[in-house]
Amino acid sequence: FTVFIWMAYIRKRHTYTDHLIFSFHNQSLLFILLILSLILDTVLDITSAGIFITIFSVYLFLAMKRFYGQGTFKTIVKYFFLNTIFTILAVLAVILLFTGSIFTY
């Protein structure tokens, strides 16, 4: 996924490692928010995943805008492009995971 971020911001002065750290930071925040959502869902018997995903989506947009220093329009275009790529990669990973588990058991 970091390769796609690097390609989207190829003209920026950031190195591949900068993009990798940015990606790790955002993924860590996503997992922390999903863990908090799971805890709230278990304790309060509610469904809060949508709220936390929305919070993460806004945070990611603002983080991209600030870290890469581009305007709102360019950030929106790259935000949707990168999220589409991430979704495709996540679906492929889940398919591979399920395929591997079928052959394992």
PDB file of N, CA and C in Angstrom:
ATOM      1  N   PHE A   1       0.820  -1.191   0.000  1.00  0.00           N
ATOM      2  CA  PHE A   1       0.000   0.000   0.000  1.00  0.00           C
ATOM      3  C   PHE A   1       0.866   1.258   0.000  1.00  0.00           C
ATOM      4  N   THR A   2       1.983   1.198   0.691  1.00  0.00           N
ATOM      5  CA  THR A   2       2.883   2.351   0.747  1.00  0.00           C
ATOM      6  C   THR A   2       3.420   2.707  -0.635  1.00  0.00           C
ATOM      7  N   VAL A   3       3.584   1.705  -1.483  1.00  0.00           N
ATOM      8  CA  VAL A   3       4.039   1.980  -2.854  1.00  0.00           C
ATOM      9  C   VAL A   3       3.029   2.869  -3.578  1.00  0.00           C
ATOM     10  N   PHE A   4       1.743   2.619  -3.361  1.00  0.00           N
ATOM     11  CA  PHE A   4       0.714   3.448  -4.002  1.00  0.00           C
ATOM     12  C   PHE A   4       0.709   4.866  -3.441  1.00  0.00           C
ATOM     13  N   ILE A   5       0.943   5.004  -2.140  1.00  0.00           N
ATOM     14  CA  ILE A   5       1.051   6.343  -1.556  1.00  0.00           C
ATOM     15  C   ILE A   5       2.263   7.066  -2.153  1.00  0.00           C
ATOM     16  N   TRP A   6       3.366   6.342  -2.239  1.00  0.00           N
ATOM     17  CA  TRP A   6       4.590   6.918  -2.812  1.00  0.00           C
ATOM     18  C   TRP A   6       4.359   7.361  -4.256  1.00  0.00           C
ATOM     19  N   MET A   7       3.637   6.536  -5.036  1.00  0.00           N
ATOM     20  CA  MET A   7       3.362   6.899  -6.428  1.00  0.00           C
ATOM     21  C   MET A   7       2.405   8.087  -6.526  1.00  0.00           C
ATOM     22  N   ALA A   8       1.448   8.177  -5.616  1.00  0.00           N
ATOM     23  CA  ALA A   8       0.501   9.296  -5.649  1.00  0.00           C
ATOM     24  C   ALA A   8       1.188  10.616  -5.307  1.00  0.00           C
ATOM     25  N   TYR A   9       2.225  10.547  -4.494  1.00  0.00           N
ATOM     26  CA  TYR A   9       2.947  11.751  -4.081  1.00  0.00           C
ATOM     27  C   TYR A   9       4.394  11.707  -4.570  1.00  0.00           C
ATOM     28  N   ILE A  10       4.597  11.261  -5.794  1.00  0.00           N
ATOM     29  CA  ILE A  10       5.952  11.065  -6.329  1.00  0.00           C
ATOM     30  C   ILE A  10       6.734  12.371  -6.436  1.00  0.00           C
ATOM     31  N   ARG A  11       6.059  13.475  -6.618  1.00  0.00           N
ATOM     32  CA  ARG A  11       6.751  14.760  -6.782  1.00  0.00           C
ATOM     33  C   ARG A  11       7.111  15.426  -5.459  1.00  0.00           C
ATOM     34  N   LYS A  12       6.660  14.844  -4.364  1.00  0.00           N
ATOM     35  CA  LYS A  12       6.966  15.422  -3.051  1.00  0.00           C
ATOM     36  C   LYS A  12       8.369  15.010  -2.611  1.00  0.00           C
ATOM     37  N   ARG A  13       8.887  15.709  -1.640  1.00  0.00           N
ATOM     38  CA  ARG A  13      10.247  15.489  -1.163  1.00  0.00           C
ATOM     39  C   ARG A  13      10.346  14.318  -0.182  1.00  0.00           C
ATOM     40  N   HIS A  14       9.237  13.671   0.117  1.00  0.00           N
ATOM     41  CA  HIS A  14       9.239  12.589   1.103  1.00  0.00           C
ATOM     42  C   HIS A  14       9.852  11.320   0.524  1.00  0.00           C
ATOM     43  N   THR A  15      10.567  10.597   1.389  1.00  0.00           N
ATOM     44  CA  THR A  15      11.142   9.322   0.981  1.00  0.00           C
ATOM     45  C   THR A  15      10.107   8.213   1.176  1.00  0.00           C
ATOM     46  N   TYR A  16      10.441   7.040   0.675  1.00  0.00           N
ATOM     47  CA  TYR A  16       9.558   5.888   0.844  1.00  0.00           C
ATOM     48  C   TYR A  16       9.327   5.602   2.329  1.00  0.00           C
ATOM     49  N   THR A  17      10.364   5.768   3.136  1.00  0.00           N
ATOM     50  CA  THR A  17      10.254   5.529   4.575  1.00  0.00           C
ATOM     51  C   THR A  17       9.268   6.488   5.226  1.00  0.00           C
ATOM     52  N   ASP A  18       9.253   7.745   4.782  1.00  0.00           N
ATOM     53  CA  ASP A  18       8.273   8.708   5.303  1.00  0.00           C
ATOM     54  C   ASP A  18       6.842   8.243   5.019  1.00  0.00           C
ATOM     55  N   HIS A  19       6.615   7.763   3.803  1.00  0.00           N
ATOM     56  CA  HIS A  19       5.293   7.254   3.443  1.00  0.00           C
ATOM     57  C   HIS A  19       4.949   6.008   4.254  1.00  0.00           C
ATOM     58  N   LEU A  20       5.941   5.164   4.488  1.00  0.00           N
ATOM     59  CA  LEU A  20       5.723   3.948   5.262  1.00  0.00           C
ATOM     60  C   LEU A  20       5.341   4.277   6.698  1.00  0.00           C
ATOM     61  N   ILE A  21       6.026   5.211   7.294  1.00  0.00           N
ATOM     62  CA  ILE A  21       5.708   5.624   8.666  1.00  0.00           C
ATOM     63  C   ILE A  21       4.313   6.250   8.719  1.00  0.00           C
ATOM     64  N   PHE A  22       3.987   7.069   7.733  1.00  0.00           N
ATOM     65  CA  PHE A  22       2.648   7.668   7.659  1.00  0.00           C
ATOM     66  C   PHE A  22       1.580   6.573   7.563  1.00  0.00           C
ATOM     67  N   SER A  23       1.832   5.572   6.745  1.00  0.00           N
ATOM     68  CA  SER A  23       0.892   4.464   6.580  1.00  0.00           C
ATOM     69  C   SER A  23       0.756   3.655   7.873  1.00  0.00           C
ATOM     70  N   PHE A  24       1.878   3.336   8.523  1.00  0.00           N
ATOM     71  CA  PHE A  24       1.837   2.605   9.799  1.00  0.00           C
ATOM     72  C   PHE A  24       1.075   3.396  10.860  1.00  0.00           C
ATOM     73  N   HIS A  25       1.308   4.692  10.913  1.00  0.00           N
ATOM     74  CA  HIS A  25       0.640   5.546  11.888  1.00  0.00           C
ATOM     75  C   HIS A  25      -0.874   5.485  11.700  1.00  0.00           C
ATOM     76  N   ASN A  26      -1.313   5.621  10.461  1.00  0.00           N
ATOM     77  CA  ASN A  26      -2.748   5.617  10.198  1.00  0.00           C
ATOM     78  C   ASN A  26      -3.380   4.254  10.428  1.00  0.00           C
ATOM     79  N   GLN A  27      -2.685   3.192  10.058  1.00  0.00           N
ATOM     80  CA  GLN A  27      -3.215   1.853  10.299  1.00  0.00           C
ATOM     81  C   GLN A  27      -3.303   1.564  11.797  1.00  0.00           C
ATOM     82  N   SER A  28      -2.328   2.016  12.543  1.00  0.00           N
ATOM     83  CA  SER A  28      -2.360   1.830  13.996  1.00  0.00           C
ATOM     84  C   SER A  28      -3.550   2.553  14.605  1.00  0.00           C
ATOM     85  N   LEU A  29      -3.798   3.770  14.155  1.00  0.00           N
ATOM     86  CA  LEU A  29      -4.953   4.509  14.665  1.00  0.00           C
ATOM     87  C   LEU A  29      -6.247   3.798  14.303  1.00  0.00           C
ATOM     88  N   LEU A  30      -6.349   3.286  13.085  1.00  0.00           N
ATOM     89  CA  LEU A  30      -7.558   2.560  12.679  1.00  0.00           C
ATOM     90  C   LEU A  30      -7.791   1.361  13.593  1.00  0.00           C
ATOM     91  N   PHE A  31      -6.750   0.584  13.871  1.00  0.00           N
ATOM     92  CA  PHE A  31      -6.920  -0.589  14.721  1.00  0.00           C
ATOM     93  C   PHE A  31      -7.263  -0.201  16.155  1.00  0.00           C
ATOM     94  N   ILE A  32      -6.681   0.865  16.661  1.00  0.00           N
ATOM     95  CA  ILE A  32      -7.015   1.332  18.013  1.00  0.00           C
ATOM     96  C   ILE A  32      -8.481   1.750  18.079  1.00  0.00           C
ATOM     97  N   LEU A  33      -8.938   2.487  17.068  1.00  0.00           N
ATOM     98  CA  LEU A  33     -10.344   2.912  17.048  1.00  0.00           C
ATOM     99  C   LEU A  33     -11.287   1.718  16.937  1.00  0.00           C
ATOM    100  N   LEU A  34     -10.914   0.724  16.148  1.00  0.00           N
ATOM    101  CA  LEU A  34     -11.768  -0.462  16.035  1.00  0.00           C
ATOM    102  C   LEU A  34     -11.780  -1.274  17.330  1.00  0.00           C
ATOM    103  N   ILE A  35     -10.665  -1.309  18.045  1.00  0.00           N
ATOM    104  CA  ILE A  35     -10.639  -1.977  19.353  1.00  0.00           C
ATOM    105  C   ILE A  35     -11.543  -1.235  20.339  1.00  0.00           C
ATOM    106  N   LEU A  36     -11.469   0.098  20.345  1.00  0.00           N
ATOM    107  CA  LEU A  36     -12.356   0.887  21.204  1.00  0.00           C
ATOM    108  C   LEU A  36     -13.819   0.643  20.848  1.00  0.00           C
ATOM    109  N   SER A  37     -14.104   0.554  19.566  1.00  0.00           N
ATOM    110  CA  SER A  37     -15.464   0.272  19.114  1.00  0.00           C
ATOM    111  C   SER A  37     -15.933  -1.091  19.610  1.00  0.00           C
ATOM    112  N   LEU A  38     -15.064  -2.082  19.513  1.00  0.00           N
ATOM    113  CA  LEU A  38     -15.413  -3.422  19.985  1.00  0.00           C
ATOM    114  C   LEU A  38     -15.671  -3.431  21.492  1.00  0.00           C
ATOM    115  N   ILE A  39     -14.858  -2.703  22.239  1.00  0.00           N
ATOM    116  CA  ILE A  39     -15.053  -2.625  23.691  1.00  0.00           C
ATOM    117  C   ILE A  39     -16.382  -1.952  24.013  1.00  0.00           C
ATOM    118  N   LEU A  40     -16.658  -0.828  23.338  1.00  0.00           N
ATOM    119  CA  LEU A  40     -17.938  -0.150  23.574  1.00  0.00           C
ATOM    120  C   LEU A  40     -19.121  -1.019  23.179  1.00  0.00           C
ATOM    121  N   ASP A  41     -19.006  -1.704  22.064  1.00  0.00           N
ATOM    122  CA  ASP A  41     -20.093  -2.579  21.622  1.00  0.00           C
ATOM    123  C   ASP A  41     -20.353  -3.693  22.631  1.00  0.00           C
ATOM    124  N   THR A  42     -19.291  -4.227  23.214  1.00  0.00           N
ATOM    125  CA  THR A  42     -19.429  -5.315  24.184  1.00  0.00           C
ATOM    126  C   THR A  42     -20.001  -4.818  25.508  1.00  0.00           C
ATOM    127  N   VAL A  43     -19.495  -3.695  25.979  1.00  0.00           N
ATOM    128  CA  VAL A  43     -19.907  -3.186  27.290  1.00  0.00           C
ATOM    129  C   VAL A  43     -21.303  -2.580  27.247  1.00  0.00           C
ATOM    130  N   LEU A  44     -21.562  -1.749  26.244  1.00  0.00           N
ATOM    131  CA  LEU A  44     -22.823  -1.006  26.200  1.00  0.00           C
ATOM    132  C   LEU A  44     -23.882  -1.640  25.296  1.00  0.00           C
ATOM    133  N   ASP A  45     -23.542  -2.723  24.620  1.00  0.00           N
ATOM    134  CA  ASP A  45     -24.460  -3.419  23.722  1.00  0.00           C
ATOM    135  C   ASP A  45     -25.023  -2.464  22.654  1.00  0.00           C
ATOM    136  N   ILE A  46     -24.112  -1.755  21.996  1.00  0.00           N
ATOM    137  CA  ILE A  46     -24.475  -0.836  20.916  1.00  0.00           C
ATOM    138  C   ILE A  46     -23.623  -1.164  19.688  1.00  0.00           C
ATOM    139  N   THR A  47     -23.915  -0.479  18.592  1.00  0.00           N
ATOM    140  CA  THR A  47     -23.093  -0.625  17.386  1.00  0.00           C
ATOM    141  C   THR A  47     -22.434   0.719  17.109  1.00  0.00           C
ATOM    142  N   SER A  48     -21.133   0.791  17.318  1.00  0.00           N
ATOM    143  CA  SER A  48     -20.426   2.070  17.204  1.00  0.00           C
ATOM    144  C   SER A  48     -19.355   2.073  16.122  1.00  0.00           C
ATOM    145  N   ALA A  49     -19.234   1.010  15.344  1.00  0.00           N
ATOM    146  CA  ALA A  49     -18.166   0.925  14.345  1.00  0.00           C
ATOM    147  C   ALA A  49     -18.272   2.046  13.312  1.00  0.00           C
ATOM    148  N   GLY A  50     -19.471   2.388  12.899  1.00  0.00           N
ATOM    149  CA  GLY A  50     -19.660   3.451  11.904  1.00  0.00           C
ATOM    150  C   GLY A  50     -19.142   4.792  12.380  1.00  0.00           C
ATOM    151  N   ILE A  51     -19.349   5.083  13.652  1.00  0.00           N
ATOM    152  CA  ILE A  51     -18.875   6.350  14.222  1.00  0.00           C
ATOM    153  C   ILE A  51     -17.354   6.398  14.196  1.00  0.00           C
ATOM    154  N   PHE A  52     -16.720   5.299  14.593  1.00  0.00           N
ATOM    155  CA  PHE A  52     -15.259   5.269  14.639  1.00  0.00           C
ATOM    156  C   PHE A  52     -14.641   5.264  13.243  1.00  0.00           C
ATOM    157  N   ILE A  53     -15.304   4.622  12.288  1.00  0.00           N
ATOM    158  CA  ILE A  53     -14.811   4.654  10.907  1.00  0.00           C
ATOM    159  C   ILE A  53     -14.926   6.071  10.350  1.00  0.00           C
ATOM    160  N   THR A  54     -15.998   6.766  10.680  1.00  0.00           N
ATOM    161  CA  THR A  54     -16.161   8.159  10.243  1.00  0.00           C
ATOM    162  C   THR A  54     -15.087   9.045  10.853  1.00  0.00           C
ATOM    163  N   ILE A  55     -14.820   8.862  12.132  1.00  0.00           N
ATOM    164  CA  ILE A  55     -13.764   9.631  12.797  1.00  0.00           C
ATOM    165  C   ILE A  55     -12.423   9.371  12.113  1.00  0.00           C
ATOM    166  N   PHE A  56     -12.138   8.102  11.822  1.00  0.00           N
ATOM    167  CA  PHE A  56     -10.882   7.766  11.155  1.00  0.00           C
ATOM    168  C   PHE A  56     -10.820   8.373   9.757  1.00  0.00           C
ATOM    169  N   SER A  57     -11.916   8.343   9.017  1.00  0.00           N
ATOM    170  CA  SER A  57     -11.935   8.890   7.660  1.00  0.00           C
ATOM    171  C   SER A  57     -11.621  10.386   7.656  1.00  0.00           C
ATOM    172  N   VAL A  58     -12.234  11.118   8.572  1.00  0.00           N
ATOM    173  CA  VAL A  58     -11.963  12.558   8.680  1.00  0.00           C
ATOM    174  C   VAL A  58     -10.519  12.789   9.094  1.00  0.00           C
ATOM    175  N   TYR A  59     -10.052  12.001  10.068  1.00  0.00           N
ATOM    176  CA  TYR A  59      -8.667  12.141  10.520  1.00  0.00           C
ATOM    177  C   TYR A  59      -7.691  11.869   9.378  1.00  0.00           C
ATOM    178  N   LEU A  60      -7.941  10.819   8.609  1.00  0.00           N
ATOM    179  CA  LEU A  60      -7.051  10.466   7.508  1.00  0.00           C
ATOM    180  C   LEU A  60      -6.992  11.583   6.474  1.00  0.00           C
ATOM    181  N   PHE A  61      -8.143  12.145   6.132  1.00  0.00           N
ATOM    182  CA  PHE A  61      -8.151  13.249   5.172  1.00  0.00           C
ATOM    183  C   PHE A  61      -7.335  14.432   5.693  1.00  0.00           C
ATOM    184  N   LEU A  62      -7.572  14.809   6.944  1.00  0.00           N
ATOM    185  CA  LEU A  62      -6.841  15.942   7.520  1.00  0.00           C
ATOM    186  C   LEU A  62      -5.346  15.642   7.641  1.00  0.00           C
ATOM    187  N   ALA A  63      -5.009  14.400   7.974  1.00  0.00           N
ATOM    188  CA  ALA A  63      -3.593  14.010   8.084  1.00  0.00           C
ATOM    189  C   ALA A  63      -2.911  14.076   6.722  1.00  0.00           C
ATOM    190  N   MET A  64      -3.589  13.607   5.686  1.00  0.00           N
ATOM    191  CA  MET A  64      -3.018  13.668   4.338  1.00  0.00           C
ATOM    192  C   MET A  64      -2.828  15.118   3.903  1.00  0.00           C
ATOM    193  N   LYS A  65      -3.817  15.945   4.179  1.00  0.00           N
ATOM    194  CA  LYS A  65      -3.748  17.355   3.789  1.00  0.00           C
ATOM    195  C   LYS A  65      -2.593  18.054   4.500  1.00  0.00           C
ATOM    196  N   ARG A  66      -2.429  17.769   5.771  1.00  0.00           N
ATOM    197  CA  ARG A  66      -1.376  18.438   6.541  1.00  0.00           C
ATOM    198  C   ARG A  66       0.013  17.866   6.229  1.00  0.00           C
ATOM    199  N   PHE A  67       0.143  16.541   6.200  1.00  0.00           N
ATOM    200  CA  PHE A  67       1.445  15.915   6.009  1.00  0.00           C
ATOM    201  C   PHE A  67       2.008  16.213   4.625  1.00  0.00           C
ATOM    202  N   TYR A  68       1.165  16.116   3.600  1.00  0.00           N
ATOM    203  CA  TYR A  68       1.657  16.308   2.241  1.00  0.00           C
ATOM    204  C   TYR A  68       1.526  17.745   1.753  1.00  0.00           C
ATOM    205  N   GLY A  69       0.808  18.582   2.475  1.00  0.00           N
ATOM    206  CA  GLY A  69       0.754  20.008   2.191  1.00  0.00           C
ATOM    207  C   GLY A  69       0.132  20.381   0.856  1.00  0.00           C
ATOM    208  N   GLN A  70      -0.864  19.624   0.414  1.00  0.00           N
ATOM    209  CA  GLN A  70      -1.533  19.956  -0.834  1.00  0.00           C
ATOM    210  C   GLN A  70      -2.888  20.577  -0.557  1.00  0.00           C
ATOM    211  N   GLY A  71      -3.482  21.113  -1.593  1.00  0.00           N
ATOM    212  CA  GLY A  71      -4.784  21.746  -1.471  1.00  0.00           C
ATOM    213  C   GLY A  71      -5.896  20.734  -1.235  1.00  0.00           C
ATOM    214  N   THR A  72      -7.067  21.264  -0.971  1.00  0.00           N
ATOM    215  CA  THR A  72      -8.208  20.419  -0.637  1.00  0.00           C
ATOM    216  C   THR A  72      -8.614  19.532  -1.812  1.00  0.00           C
ATOM    217  N   PHE A  73      -8.694  20.089  -3.019  1.00  0.00           N
ATOM    218  CA  PHE A  73      -9.141  19.298  -4.169  1.00  0.00           C
ATOM    219  C   PHE A  73      -8.190  18.140  -4.467  1.00  0.00           C
ATOM    220  N   LYS A  74      -6.888  18.419  -4.521  1.00  0.00           N
ATOM    221  CA  LYS A  74      -5.914  17.354  -4.789  1.00  0.00           C
ATOM    222  C   LYS A  74      -5.951  16.296  -3.689  1.00  0.00           C
ATOM    223  N   THR A  75      -6.110  16.737  -2.454  1.00  0.00           N
ATOM    224  CA  THR A  75      -6.161  15.791  -1.344  1.00  0.00           C
ATOM    225  C   THR A  75      -7.404  14.909  -1.440  1.00  0.00           C
ATOM    226  N   ILE A  76      -8.532  15.481  -1.830  1.00  0.00           N
ATOM    227  CA  ILE A  76      -9.766  14.695  -1.978  1.00  0.00           C
ATOM    228  C   ILE A  76      -9.589  13.639  -3.062  1.00  0.00           C
ATOM    229  N   VAL A  77      -9.028  14.042  -4.206  1.00  0.00           N
ATOM    230  CA  VAL A  77      -8.831  13.092  -5.312  1.00  0.00           C
ATOM    231  C   VAL A  77      -7.900  11.959  -4.874  1.00  0.00           C
ATOM    232  N   LYS A  78      -6.788  12.293  -4.253  1.00  0.00           N
ATOM    233  CA  LYS A  78      -5.839  11.275  -3.820  1.00  0.00           C
ATOM    234  C   LYS A  78      -6.398  10.436  -2.666  1.00  0.00           C
ATOM    235  N   TYR A  79      -7.200  11.055  -1.823  1.00  0.00           N
ATOM    236  CA  TYR A  79      -7.853  10.345  -0.721  1.00  0.00           C
ATOM    237  C   TYR A  79      -8.748   9.238  -1.264  1.00  0.00           C
ATOM    238  N   PHE A  80      -9.594   9.568  -2.232  1.00  0.00           N
ATOM    239  CA  PHE A  80     -10.486   8.562  -2.797  1.00  0.00           C
ATOM    240  C   PHE A  80      -9.721   7.515  -3.603  1.00  0.00           C
ATOM    241  N   PHE A  81      -8.700   7.935  -4.325  1.00  0.00           N
ATOM    242  CA  PHE A  81      -7.878   6.988  -5.078  1.00  0.00           C
ATOM    243  C   PHE A  81      -7.200   5.993  -4.137  1.00  0.00           C
ATOM    244  N   LEU A  82      -6.555   6.501  -3.099  1.00  0.00           N
ATOM    245  CA  LEU A  82      -5.830   5.634  -2.180  1.00  0.00           C
ATOM    246  C   LEU A  82      -6.771   4.748  -1.366  1.00  0.00           C
ATOM    247  N   ASN A  83      -7.941   5.259  -1.003  1.00  0.00           N
ATOM    248  CA  ASN A  83      -8.898   4.426  -0.270  1.00  0.00           C
ATOM    249  C   ASN A  83      -9.462   3.316  -1.158  1.00  0.00           C
ATOM    250  N   THR A  84      -9.637   3.604  -2.445  1.00  0.00           N
ATOM    251  CA  THR A  84     -10.080   2.570  -3.374  1.00  0.00           C
ATOM    252  C   THR A  84      -9.021   1.476  -3.500  1.00  0.00           C
ATOM    253  N   ILE A  85      -7.772   1.889  -3.652  1.00  0.00           N
ATOM    254  CA  ILE A  85      -6.674   0.919  -3.718  1.00  0.00           C
ATOM    255  C   ILE A  85      -6.608   0.103  -2.428  1.00  0.00           C
ATOM    256  N   PHE A  86      -6.733   0.767  -1.290  1.00  0.00           N
ATOM    257  CA  PHE A  86      -6.673   0.068  -0.005  1.00  0.00           C
ATOM    258  C   PHE A  86      -7.801  -0.951   0.106  1.00  0.00           C
ATOM    259  N   THR A  87      -8.998  -0.587  -0.329  1.00  0.00           N
ATOM    260  CA  THR A  87     -10.133  -1.506  -0.266  1.00  0.00           C
ATOM    261  C   THR A  87      -9.885  -2.727  -1.143  1.00  0.00           C
ATOM    262  N   ILE A  88      -9.377  -2.508  -2.341  1.00  0.00           N
ATOM    263  CA  ILE A  88      -9.073  -3.626  -3.240  1.00  0.00           C
ATOM    264  C   ILE A  88      -8.017  -4.541  -2.614  1.00  0.00           C
ATOM    265  N   LEU A  89      -6.964  -3.954  -2.058  1.00  0.00           N
ATOM    266  CA  LEU A  89      -5.915  -4.759  -1.426  1.00  0.00           C
ATOM    267  C   LEU A  89      -6.444  -5.500  -0.198  1.00  0.00           C
ATOM    268  N   ALA A  90      -7.321  -4.868   0.570  1.00  0.00           N
ATOM    269  CA  ALA A  90      -7.887  -5.520   1.758  1.00  0.00           C
ATOM    270  C   ALA A  90      -8.775  -6.696   1.355  1.00  0.00           C
ATOM    271  N   VAL A  91      -9.583  -6.521   0.305  1.00  0.00           N
ATOM    272  CA  VAL A  91     -10.437  -7.617  -0.158  1.00  0.00           C
ATOM    273  C   VAL A  91      -9.585  -8.780  -0.668  1.00  0.00           C
ATOM    274  N   LEU A  92      -8.531  -8.468  -1.408  1.00  0.00           N
ATOM    275  CA  LEU A  92      -7.636  -9.526  -1.883  1.00  0.00           C
ATOM    276  C   LEU A  92      -6.976 -10.267  -0.718  1.00  0.00           C
ATOM    277  N   ALA A  93      -6.591  -9.521   0.317  1.00  0.00           N
ATOM    278  CA  ALA A  93      -5.976 -10.147   1.486  1.00  0.00           C
ATOM    279  C   ALA A  93      -6.961 -11.067   2.202  1.00  0.00           C
ATOM    280  N   VAL A  94      -8.209 -10.645   2.310  1.00  0.00           N
ATOM    281  CA  VAL A  94      -9.224 -11.484   2.956  1.00  0.00           C
ATOM    282  C   VAL A  94      -9.477 -12.737   2.126  1.00  0.00           C
ATOM    283  N   ILE A  95      -9.549 -12.585   0.807  1.00  0.00           N
ATOM    284  CA  ILE A  95      -9.746 -13.754  -0.064  1.00  0.00           C
ATOM    285  C   ILE A  95      -8.586 -14.729   0.092  1.00  0.00           C
ATOM    286  N   LEU A  96      -7.354 -14.211   0.101  1.00  0.00           N
ATOM    287  CA  LEU A  96      -6.189 -15.082   0.297  1.00  0.00           C
ATOM    288  C   LEU A  96      -6.216 -15.759   1.665  1.00  0.00           C
ATOM    289  N   LEU A  97      -6.631 -15.026   2.680  1.00  0.00           N
ATOM    290  CA  LEU A  97      -6.719 -15.579   4.029  1.00  0.00           C
ATOM    291  C   LEU A  97      -7.735 -16.725   4.082  1.00  0.00           C
ATOM    292  N   PHE A  98      -8.919 -16.493   3.517  1.00  0.00           N
ATOM    293  CA  PHE A  98      -9.933 -17.541   3.501  1.00  0.00           C
ATOM    294  C   PHE A  98      -9.509 -18.735   2.657  1.00  0.00           C
ATOM    295  N   THR A  99      -8.875 -18.467   1.532  1.00  0.00           N
ATOM    296  CA  THR A  99      -8.390 -19.551   0.670  1.00  0.00           C
ATOM    297  C   THR A  99      -7.338 -20.371   1.399  1.00  0.00           C
ATOM    298  N   GLY A 100      -6.434 -19.696   2.075  1.00  0.00           N
ATOM    299  CA  GLY A 100      -5.409 -20.407   2.842  1.00  0.00           C
ATOM    300  C   GLY A 100      -6.005 -21.218   3.972  1.00  0.00           C
ATOM    301  N   SER A 101      -7.039 -20.697   4.626  1.00  0.00           N
ATOM    302  CA  SER A 101      -7.635 -21.426   5.728  1.00  0.00           C
ATOM    303  C   SER A 101      -8.431 -22.635   5.224  1.00  0.00           C
ATOM    304  N   ILE A 102      -8.993 -22.535   4.027  1.00  0.00           N
ATOM    305  CA  ILE A 102      -9.708 -23.684   3.463  1.00  0.00           C
ATOM    306  C   ILE A 102      -8.731 -24.828   3.188  1.00  0.00           C
ATOM    307  N   PHE A 103      -7.577 -24.495   2.612  1.00  0.00           N
ATOM    308  CA  PHE A 103      -6.596 -25.527   2.309  1.00  0.00           C
ATOM    309  C   PHE A 103      -5.865 -26.035   3.551  1.00  0.00           C
ATOM    310  N   THR A 104      -5.856 -25.244   4.609  1.00  0.00           N
ATOM    311  CA  THR A 104      -5.185 -25.651   5.835  1.00  0.00           C
ATOM    312  C   THR A 104      -6.035 -26.648   6.619  1.00  0.00           C
ATOM    313  N   TYR A 105      -7.340 -26.444   6.603  1.00  0.00           N
ATOM    314  CA  TYR A 105      -8.228 -27.315   7.366  1.00  0.00           C
ATOM    315  C   TYR A 105      -8.877 -28.250   6.436  1.00  0.00           C
TER     316      TYR A 105
END
